[in-house]
Protein backbone atom coordinates (compact mmCIF):
# COMPACT_ATOMS: atom_id res chain seq x y z
CA MET A 1 -22.99 0.04 20.67
CA ALA A 2 -24.37 1.97 17.73
CA ARG A 3 -25.92 5.37 18.34
CA ILE A 4 -29.39 5.14 16.83
CA ILE A 5 -31.07 8.14 15.25
CA ASP A 6 -34.75 7.89 14.30
CA ALA A 7 -35.11 11.07 12.29
CA PRO A 8 -35.76 12.14 8.70
CA LEU A 9 -32.60 14.20 8.29
CA LEU A 10 -28.91 13.40 8.14
CA ALA A 11 -27.04 12.84 11.38
CA ASP A 12 -24.48 15.44 12.43
CA ARG A 13 -21.24 14.50 10.63
CA ARG A 14 -18.91 16.72 12.65
CA LEU A 15 -17.76 13.92 14.97
CA ALA A 16 -17.01 10.28 14.38
CA GLY A 17 -15.53 7.46 16.38
CA ASP A 18 -14.15 8.73 19.66
CA GLY A 19 -14.61 12.42 18.95
CA CYS A 20 -12.46 12.55 15.81
CA GLU A 21 -13.38 15.78 14.05
CA LEU A 22 -14.01 15.36 10.35
CA PRO A 23 -14.94 17.55 7.41
CA GLY A 24 -18.49 18.68 8.06
CA ARG A 25 -20.57 21.36 6.40
CA PRO A 26 -18.69 24.62 6.98
CA ILE A 27 -20.83 27.34 5.54
CA ASP A 28 -17.85 29.23 4.12
CA ASP A 29 -16.17 26.40 2.15
CA ALA A 30 -17.55 27.76 -1.12
CA ALA A 31 -16.77 31.38 -0.27
CA LYS A 32 -13.15 30.49 0.53
CA ARG A 33 -12.85 29.24 -3.02
CA GLY A 34 -14.49 32.26 -4.62
CA LEU A 35 -17.74 30.40 -5.30
CA ALA A 36 -21.17 31.93 -4.64
CA PHE A 37 -24.79 30.88 -4.78
CA THR A 38 -25.81 32.87 -7.84
CA PRO A 39 -29.01 32.59 -9.91
CA GLU A 40 -26.97 30.67 -12.49
CA VAL A 41 -25.74 28.20 -9.88
CA LYS A 42 -29.30 27.79 -8.65
CA ARG A 43 -30.50 26.95 -12.14
CA GLU A 44 -27.66 24.46 -12.62
CA THR A 45 -28.37 22.66 -9.35
CA ASP A 46 -32.15 22.82 -8.89
CA ALA A 47 -32.66 19.38 -10.44
CA LEU A 48 -29.90 17.92 -8.27
CA TYR A 49 -31.48 19.31 -5.12
CA GLU A 50 -34.64 17.36 -5.86
CA LYS A 51 -32.60 14.17 -5.29
CA VAL A 52 -31.53 15.19 -1.77
CA GLU A 53 -34.32 17.48 -0.56
CA ARG A 54 -35.44 14.90 2.01
CA LEU A 55 -31.94 14.89 3.48
CA ILE A 56 -30.65 18.46 3.16
CA PRO A 57 -32.82 21.32 4.44
CA PRO A 58 -33.43 24.19 1.97
CA PHE A 59 -31.56 26.69 4.13
CA GLU A 60 -28.39 24.55 3.89
CA TRP A 61 -28.47 24.08 0.12
CA PRO A 62 -26.82 27.42 -0.78
CA ALA A 63 -23.71 26.20 1.09
CA TYR A 64 -23.49 23.10 -1.11
CA ALA A 65 -24.71 24.24 -4.51
CA PRO A 66 -21.71 26.43 -5.49
CA LEU A 67 -19.27 23.61 -4.80
CA ILE A 68 -21.46 21.09 -6.62
CA ALA A 69 -21.73 23.37 -9.67
CA GLY A 70 -17.98 24.02 -9.55
CA ILE A 71 -17.13 20.32 -9.36
CA ASN A 72 -19.42 19.42 -12.23
CA ARG A 73 -17.89 22.21 -14.33
CA LEU A 74 -14.35 20.99 -13.58
CA LYS A 75 -15.35 17.43 -14.51
CA ARG A 76 -16.41 18.62 -17.96
CA GLU A 77 -13.26 20.70 -18.44
CA LYS A 78 -10.89 17.91 -17.42
CA ASN A 79 -12.75 14.89 -18.80
CA ALA A 80 -13.08 13.52 -15.28
CA ILE A 81 -15.52 11.27 -13.52
CA ILE A 82 -16.19 10.71 -9.84
CA LEU A 83 -16.61 7.21 -8.43
CA ALA A 84 -18.90 7.54 -5.41
CA HIS A 85 -19.06 4.69 -2.93
CA ASN A 86 -22.33 3.92 -1.17
CA TYR A 87 -20.88 5.32 2.06
CA MET A 88 -20.46 8.83 0.68
CA THR A 89 -22.69 11.58 2.06
CA SER A 90 -25.74 12.35 -0.05
CA GLU A 91 -24.50 15.63 -1.55
CA ILE A 92 -21.50 13.74 -2.98
CA PHE A 93 -23.31 10.52 -3.83
CA PHE A 94 -26.24 12.04 -5.71
CA CYS A 95 -24.98 15.43 -6.85
CA VAL A 96 -21.42 14.89 -8.14
CA GLY A 97 -21.01 11.11 -8.30
CA ASP A 98 -21.01 9.77 -11.87
CA ILE A 99 -20.72 6.09 -10.99
CA ARG A 100 -22.28 5.01 -7.71
CA GLY A 101 -22.26 1.68 -5.93
CA ASP A 102 -20.29 -0.84 -3.90
CA SER A 103 -16.63 -1.66 -4.34
CA LEU A 104 -17.27 -4.35 -6.98
CA GLN A 105 -19.39 -2.02 -9.12
CA LEU A 106 -16.78 0.72 -8.88
CA ALA A 107 -13.95 -1.69 -9.71
CA ARG A 108 -15.72 -2.87 -12.86
CA GLU A 109 -16.54 0.66 -14.02
CA ALA A 110 -13.04 1.98 -13.31
CA ALA A 111 -11.70 -0.46 -15.87
CA ASN A 112 -14.20 0.62 -18.53
CA THR A 113 -14.48 4.41 -18.28
CA ASN A 114 -13.30 6.61 -21.14
CA ALA A 115 -12.54 9.52 -18.82
CA LYS A 116 -8.93 10.66 -18.49
CA VAL A 117 -9.24 11.48 -14.79
CA ILE A 118 -10.83 9.39 -12.03
CA VAL A 119 -11.62 10.97 -8.67
CA GLN A 120 -12.24 8.39 -5.98
CA ALA A 121 -14.95 9.51 -3.57
CA GLY A 122 -14.17 6.70 -1.21
CA VAL A 123 -11.02 5.49 0.52
CA HIS A 124 -7.44 4.92 -0.57
CA PHE A 125 -7.61 1.21 -1.42
CA MET A 126 -10.45 1.99 -3.84
CA ALA A 127 -8.36 4.64 -5.55
CA GLU A 128 -5.50 2.14 -5.80
CA THR A 129 -7.87 -0.38 -7.37
CA SER A 130 -8.81 2.17 -10.02
CA LYS A 131 -5.14 2.85 -10.75
CA ILE A 132 -4.36 -0.87 -10.92
CA LEU A 133 -7.06 -1.38 -13.53
CA ALA A 134 -6.53 1.85 -15.45
CA PRO A 135 -2.82 2.77 -15.18
CA GLU A 136 -3.01 5.20 -18.10
CA LYS A 137 -5.51 7.38 -16.26
CA THR A 138 -4.87 9.99 -13.61
CA VAL A 139 -6.43 8.79 -10.36
CA LEU A 140 -6.99 11.29 -7.57
CA ILE A 141 -7.88 10.77 -3.91
CA PRO A 142 -9.21 14.00 -2.36
CA ASP A 143 -7.71 13.31 1.09
CA LEU A 144 -4.66 11.14 1.67
CA ARG A 145 -5.91 10.35 5.18
CA ALA A 146 -8.94 8.47 3.82
CA GLY A 147 -7.72 5.02 4.77
CA CYS A 148 -9.39 1.84 6.06
CA SER A 149 -9.03 -0.18 9.24
CA LEU A 150 -9.17 -3.42 7.26
CA ALA A 151 -6.55 -2.31 4.77
CA ALA A 152 -4.32 -1.21 7.65
CA SER A 153 -4.68 -4.56 9.43
CA ILE A 154 -2.45 -6.54 7.05
CA THR A 155 0.66 -6.04 4.92
CA GLY A 156 2.24 -7.76 1.97
CA ALA A 157 4.84 -9.25 4.32
CA ASP A 158 2.02 -10.75 6.41
CA VAL A 159 0.59 -12.43 3.31
CA ARG A 160 3.98 -13.89 2.39
CA LEU A 161 4.24 -15.41 5.87
CA ILE A 162 0.72 -16.83 5.61
CA LYS A 163 1.52 -18.43 2.25
CA ALA A 164 4.68 -19.96 3.69
CA LYS A 165 2.65 -21.50 6.52
CA TYR A 166 -0.03 -22.88 4.18
CA PRO A 167 1.70 -23.81 0.91
CA GLY A 168 -0.63 -24.68 -1.94
CA VAL A 169 -3.68 -23.05 -0.35
CA PRO A 170 -5.14 -20.22 -2.45
CA VAL A 171 -5.23 -16.73 -0.96
CA VAL A 172 -8.52 -14.93 -1.52
CA THR A 173 -8.19 -11.29 -0.54
CA TYR A 174 -11.00 -8.88 0.14
CA VAL A 175 -10.71 -5.75 -2.01
CA ASN A 176 -10.50 -3.68 1.20
CA THR A 177 -6.71 -4.05 1.10
CA SER A 178 -3.68 -2.25 -0.23
CA ALA A 179 -2.15 -2.84 -3.65
CA GLU A 180 0.84 -4.62 -2.08
CA VAL A 181 -1.48 -7.09 -0.33
CA LYS A 182 -3.42 -7.73 -3.54
CA ALA A 183 -0.10 -8.30 -5.31
CA GLU A 184 0.72 -11.16 -2.91
CA SER A 185 -2.72 -12.74 -3.37
CA ASP A 186 -4.16 -15.21 -5.84
CA VAL A 187 -7.56 -13.61 -6.37
CA THR A 188 -9.60 -10.78 -4.87
CA CYS A 189 -13.23 -10.75 -3.79
CA THR A 190 -15.88 -8.39 -2.47
CA SER A 191 -18.75 -9.06 -0.10
CA SER A 192 -20.93 -9.41 -3.22
CA ASN A 193 -19.04 -12.45 -4.50
CA ALA A 194 -16.90 -13.78 -1.62
CA VAL A 195 -18.56 -17.21 -1.51
CA GLN A 196 -18.41 -17.54 -5.31
CA VAL A 197 -14.72 -16.61 -5.41
CA CYS A 198 -13.73 -18.90 -2.53
CA GLU A 199 -15.47 -21.89 -4.12
CA TRP A 200 -13.91 -21.12 -7.50
CA ALA A 201 -10.43 -20.82 -5.95
CA ALA A 202 -10.77 -24.12 -4.08
CA LYS A 203 -11.81 -25.89 -7.27
CA GLU A 204 -9.08 -24.21 -9.33
CA TRP A 205 -6.36 -25.13 -6.82
CA GLY A 206 -7.78 -28.59 -6.10
CA THR A 207 -8.17 -28.09 -2.36
CA ASP A 208 -10.85 -28.00 0.31
CA ARG A 209 -9.20 -25.07 2.12
CA VAL A 210 -9.06 -21.38 1.27
CA ILE A 211 -7.28 -18.49 2.96
CA LEU A 212 -9.73 -15.56 3.15
CA ILE A 213 -8.19 -12.31 4.40
CA PRO A 214 -8.26 -9.88 6.12
CA ASP A 215 -11.81 -9.54 7.54
CA GLU A 216 -12.36 -12.10 10.31
CA PHE A 217 -16.14 -11.65 10.36
CA LEU A 218 -16.57 -11.84 6.59
CA ALA A 219 -14.51 -15.06 6.69
CA LYS A 220 -16.74 -16.53 9.40
CA ASN A 221 -19.89 -15.52 7.56
CA VAL A 222 -18.57 -17.05 4.33
CA ALA A 223 -17.61 -20.22 6.22
CA ALA A 224 -21.23 -20.57 7.34
CA MET A 225 -22.30 -20.59 3.67
CA THR A 226 -19.89 -23.22 2.33
CA ASP A 227 -18.37 -26.59 3.15
CA LEU A 228 -14.87 -25.23 2.60
CA LYS A 229 -12.40 -24.92 5.47
CA ILE A 230 -11.64 -21.22 5.85
CA ILE A 231 -8.36 -19.84 7.19
CA ALA A 232 -8.85 -16.27 8.37
CA TRP A 233 -6.97 -13.20 9.58
CA HIS A 234 -7.86 -11.07 12.61
CA GLY A 235 -8.83 -7.91 10.72
CA ARG A 236 -12.08 -6.07 11.38
CA CYS A 237 -14.00 -3.11 10.04
CA GLU A 238 -14.17 -0.48 12.77
CA VAL A 239 -17.71 0.45 11.68
CA HIS A 240 -19.31 -2.99 11.49
CA GLU A 241 -17.59 -4.65 14.44
CA ARG A 242 -19.36 -2.24 16.82
CA PHE A 243 -22.85 -3.59 16.10
CA THR A 244 -24.13 -6.22 18.53
CA ALA A 245 -27.05 -8.60 18.87
CA GLU A 246 -28.07 -6.56 21.92
CA ASP A 247 -28.42 -3.50 19.67
CA ILE A 248 -30.83 -5.44 17.49
CA ALA A 249 -32.87 -6.71 20.41
CA GLU A 250 -33.25 -3.19 21.79
CA ILE A 251 -34.34 -1.81 18.43
CA ARG A 252 -36.84 -4.62 17.86
CA ALA A 253 -38.35 -3.92 21.29
CA ALA A 254 -38.63 -0.20 20.56
CA HIS A 255 -39.81 -0.61 16.94
CA PRO A 256 -41.99 -3.71 16.48
CA GLY A 257 -42.00 -4.97 12.91
CA VAL A 258 -38.69 -3.38 11.95
CA VAL A 259 -36.76 -5.29 9.26
CA VAL A 260 -33.08 -5.63 10.18
CA LEU A 261 -30.56 -5.72 7.34
CA ALA A 262 -26.87 -6.42 8.02
CA HIS A 263 -23.61 -6.20 6.10
CA PRO A 264 -21.45 -9.38 6.19
CA GLU A 265 -18.59 -7.47 7.83
CA CYS A 266 -20.77 -7.57 10.98
CA PRO A 267 -20.11 -10.19 13.68
CA PRO A 268 -21.82 -13.57 13.16
CA GLU A 269 -24.07 -12.96 16.17
CA VAL A 270 -25.42 -9.87 14.38
CA MET A 271 -25.97 -11.80 11.16
CA ALA A 272 -27.85 -14.49 13.11
CA ALA A 273 -30.15 -11.89 14.68
CA SER A 274 -30.91 -10.07 11.40
CA ASP A 275 -33.62 -10.63 8.80
CA TYR A 276 -31.41 -10.26 5.74
CA ALA A 277 -27.71 -9.79 4.99
CA GLY A 278 -25.68 -8.85 1.96
CA SER A 279 -23.32 -6.36 0.35
CA THR A 280 -24.18 -2.69 0.22
CA ALA A 281 -25.59 -3.22 -3.29
CA ALA A 282 -27.70 -6.13 -2.05
CA LEU A 283 -29.01 -4.12 0.90
CA ALA A 284 -30.02 -1.23 -1.34
CA ALA A 285 -31.67 -3.63 -3.80
CA TYR A 286 -33.62 -5.32 -0.99
CA VAL A 287 -35.12 -2.05 0.19
CA GLY A 288 -35.79 -0.83 -3.33
CA LYS A 289 -37.57 -4.02 -4.37
CA ARG A 290 -39.47 -4.91 -1.21
CA GLN A 291 -40.16 -1.42 0.18
CA PRO A 292 -40.48 -2.56 3.83
CA GLY A 293 -42.36 -0.22 6.15
CA LYS A 294 -39.51 0.22 8.65
CA VAL A 295 -35.86 -0.73 8.25
CA LEU A 296 -32.68 -0.83 10.31
CA LEU A 297 -29.55 -0.92 8.13
CA LEU A 298 -26.54 -2.20 10.04
CA THR A 299 -23.80 -0.50 8.08
CA GLU A 300 -22.26 2.97 7.68
CA CYS A 301 -24.53 5.97 8.34
CA SER A 302 -24.50 7.48 4.87
CA MET A 303 -25.69 4.23 3.34
CA SER A 304 -28.97 4.63 5.21
CA ASP A 305 -29.27 8.22 4.05
CA ASN A 306 -28.68 7.34 0.39
CA VAL A 307 -31.07 4.39 0.38
CA ALA A 308 -33.68 6.48 2.21
CA ALA A 309 -33.50 9.14 -0.47
CA ALA A 310 -34.45 6.54 -3.07
CA SER A 311 -37.12 4.87 -0.90
CA PRO A 312 -39.38 7.61 0.51
CA ARG A 313 -42.08 5.15 1.60
CA THR A 314 -39.73 3.35 4.00
CA ASP A 315 -38.99 4.67 7.48
CA PHE A 316 -35.36 4.23 8.51
CA ILE A 317 -34.14 3.66 12.05
CA ARG A 318 -30.68 5.09 11.57
CA PRO A 319 -27.59 3.46 13.08
CA CYS A 320 -24.92 6.09 13.45
CA ASN A 321 -21.67 4.21 13.19
CA LEU A 322 -19.62 6.57 11.06
CA CYS A 323 -16.55 5.61 9.06
CA PRO A 324 -14.05 8.37 9.93
CA HIS A 325 -12.05 7.59 6.78
CA MET A 326 -14.98 7.85 4.37
CA LYS A 327 -15.97 11.10 6.03
CA ARG A 328 -12.59 12.61 5.16
CA ILE A 329 -14.01 13.09 1.67
CA SER A 330 -15.98 16.30 1.22
CA LEU A 331 -17.24 18.51 -1.59
CA ALA A 332 -14.50 20.99 -0.72
CA ASN A 333 -11.59 18.57 -1.10
CA ILE A 334 -13.10 16.98 -4.21
CA TYR A 335 -13.22 20.48 -5.73
CA ASP A 336 -9.61 21.15 -4.67
CA ALA A 337 -8.42 17.80 -6.02
CA LEU A 338 -9.88 18.52 -9.46
CA LEU A 339 -8.79 22.15 -9.53
CA GLU A 340 -5.20 21.41 -8.54
CA MET A 341 -5.03 17.83 -9.88
CA LYS A 342 -3.92 16.48 -6.51
CA HIS A 343 -3.38 13.89 -4.80
CA LYS A 344 -2.30 11.50 -7.54
CA VAL A 345 -2.27 7.80 -6.76
CA GLU A 346 0.87 6.01 -7.95
CA ILE A 347 1.72 2.30 -7.69
CA PRO A 348 5.05 0.64 -8.60
CA GLU A 349 4.51 -1.18 -11.90
CA GLU A 350 5.73 -4.54 -10.61
CA VAL A 351 3.21 -4.35 -7.75
CA ARG A 352 0.44 -3.10 -10.03
CA VAL A 353 0.84 -5.94 -12.54
CA ARG A 354 0.65 -8.65 -9.88
CA ALA A 355 -2.26 -6.97 -8.11
CA LYS A 356 -4.09 -6.65 -11.41
CA GLN A 357 -3.79 -10.38 -11.99
CA ALA A 358 -5.60 -11.04 -8.71
CA ILE A 359 -8.35 -8.53 -9.56
CA ASP A 360 -8.67 -9.76 -13.15
CA ARG A 361 -9.28 -13.30 -11.92
CA MET A 362 -12.22 -12.00 -9.91
CA LEU A 363 -13.59 -9.87 -12.73
CA ALA A 364 -13.34 -12.79 -15.17
CA LEU A 365 -15.73 -14.92 -13.13
CA PRO A 366 -19.30 -15.11 -14.42
CA LYS A 367 -21.22 -12.03 -13.35
CA THR A 368 -24.13 -12.98 -11.13
CA GLU A 369 -27.56 -11.58 -11.92
CA LYS A 370 -27.78 -10.05 -8.46
CA PRO A 371 -25.48 -9.70 -5.43
CA LEU A 372 -25.28 -12.75 -3.21
CA ASP A 373 -27.70 -12.99 -0.29
CA PHE A 374 -26.03 -14.20 2.88
CA GLU A 375 -28.13 -16.63 4.89
CA VAL A 376 -29.13 -15.33 8.30
CA GLY A 377 -29.94 -17.27 11.46
CA LEU A 378 -27.05 -19.67 10.91
CA PRO A 379 -24.82 -20.85 13.79
CA GLU A 380 -21.34 -19.35 13.84
CA ALA A 381 -18.93 -21.35 11.70
CA ALA A 382 -15.47 -22.28 12.93
CA VAL A 383 -12.50 -20.83 11.08
CA GLU A 384 -8.78 -21.20 11.64
CA LEU A 385 -7.31 -17.85 12.65
CA VAL A 386 -3.72 -17.42 11.54
């Protein structure tokens, strides 16, 4: 069950999952690196603090500002940009992130940036995606331990076995996978375009079946939106699988009128009990456009924080399911990565070329005007688990 926090400030990020200690907000991170909160640093960061003042108390800001100023200076010196996923904490997302959004937005921008260095404020498969699309650039991941339960759930060898079992059926692979898995796939997708990609692949291959891997719940939620037969894999996101319909019922009872928004990596029972569902970009757009009075976002904690910062008129009931991998990324290790130009992401060229073909097929599809809305309240669709 999710731990719910109904408060205006960020949840404590020191623990995640089953007590796994993660990078938090050590007050001496800046001092260890010879950085101080000087009048000059204050001037450089005052405008940035305005973006996060509802989330970071004033007494904490001097611990962040020197690292933020240092990172932004290093970016200019090294012609670097930072890709910040929606699940990054607010001081990263708003204060050092140059391109912010969901995995599809970041994938598109990674291919187009003129910067020589890309720092992935996200997890390893995202950094690999940047390297696949921009092999001439230096791509850095601040912490090599920033992985993903979905990416870890399947290997390239698994995909080869699946293809052998279902010859002629296209393999649509969620971007939350390793480069080697993408290389064995026909086309990639994100939660923003999964239905679009699956229907395109079925038409292109002349079939009524599609293999959609590795997220079991995304596959089931896509199956409910299409007439295609979906073959799925038993992978799950360790953040989203923990939400339940019982969580929603309890929150609705405690907070009448709350609008419940879910990510399609959630179980179908959660989608059925929600008011709206979509990708992280779609969830943020929903709140920004409709400005509901009270919202429950069923996704990673920092997403609620970042959307709340941009929607001050909306009260957020905060689910605290943390992604321990996303929370490996901190201001301190972003600074170190840029300063020392570590940890470089490398992909064998033969793997990169084949993975790029799968991503390029996705990127070549017509860009939708807005992220796809997933229908809610639908009965769970049957899929074939391989």
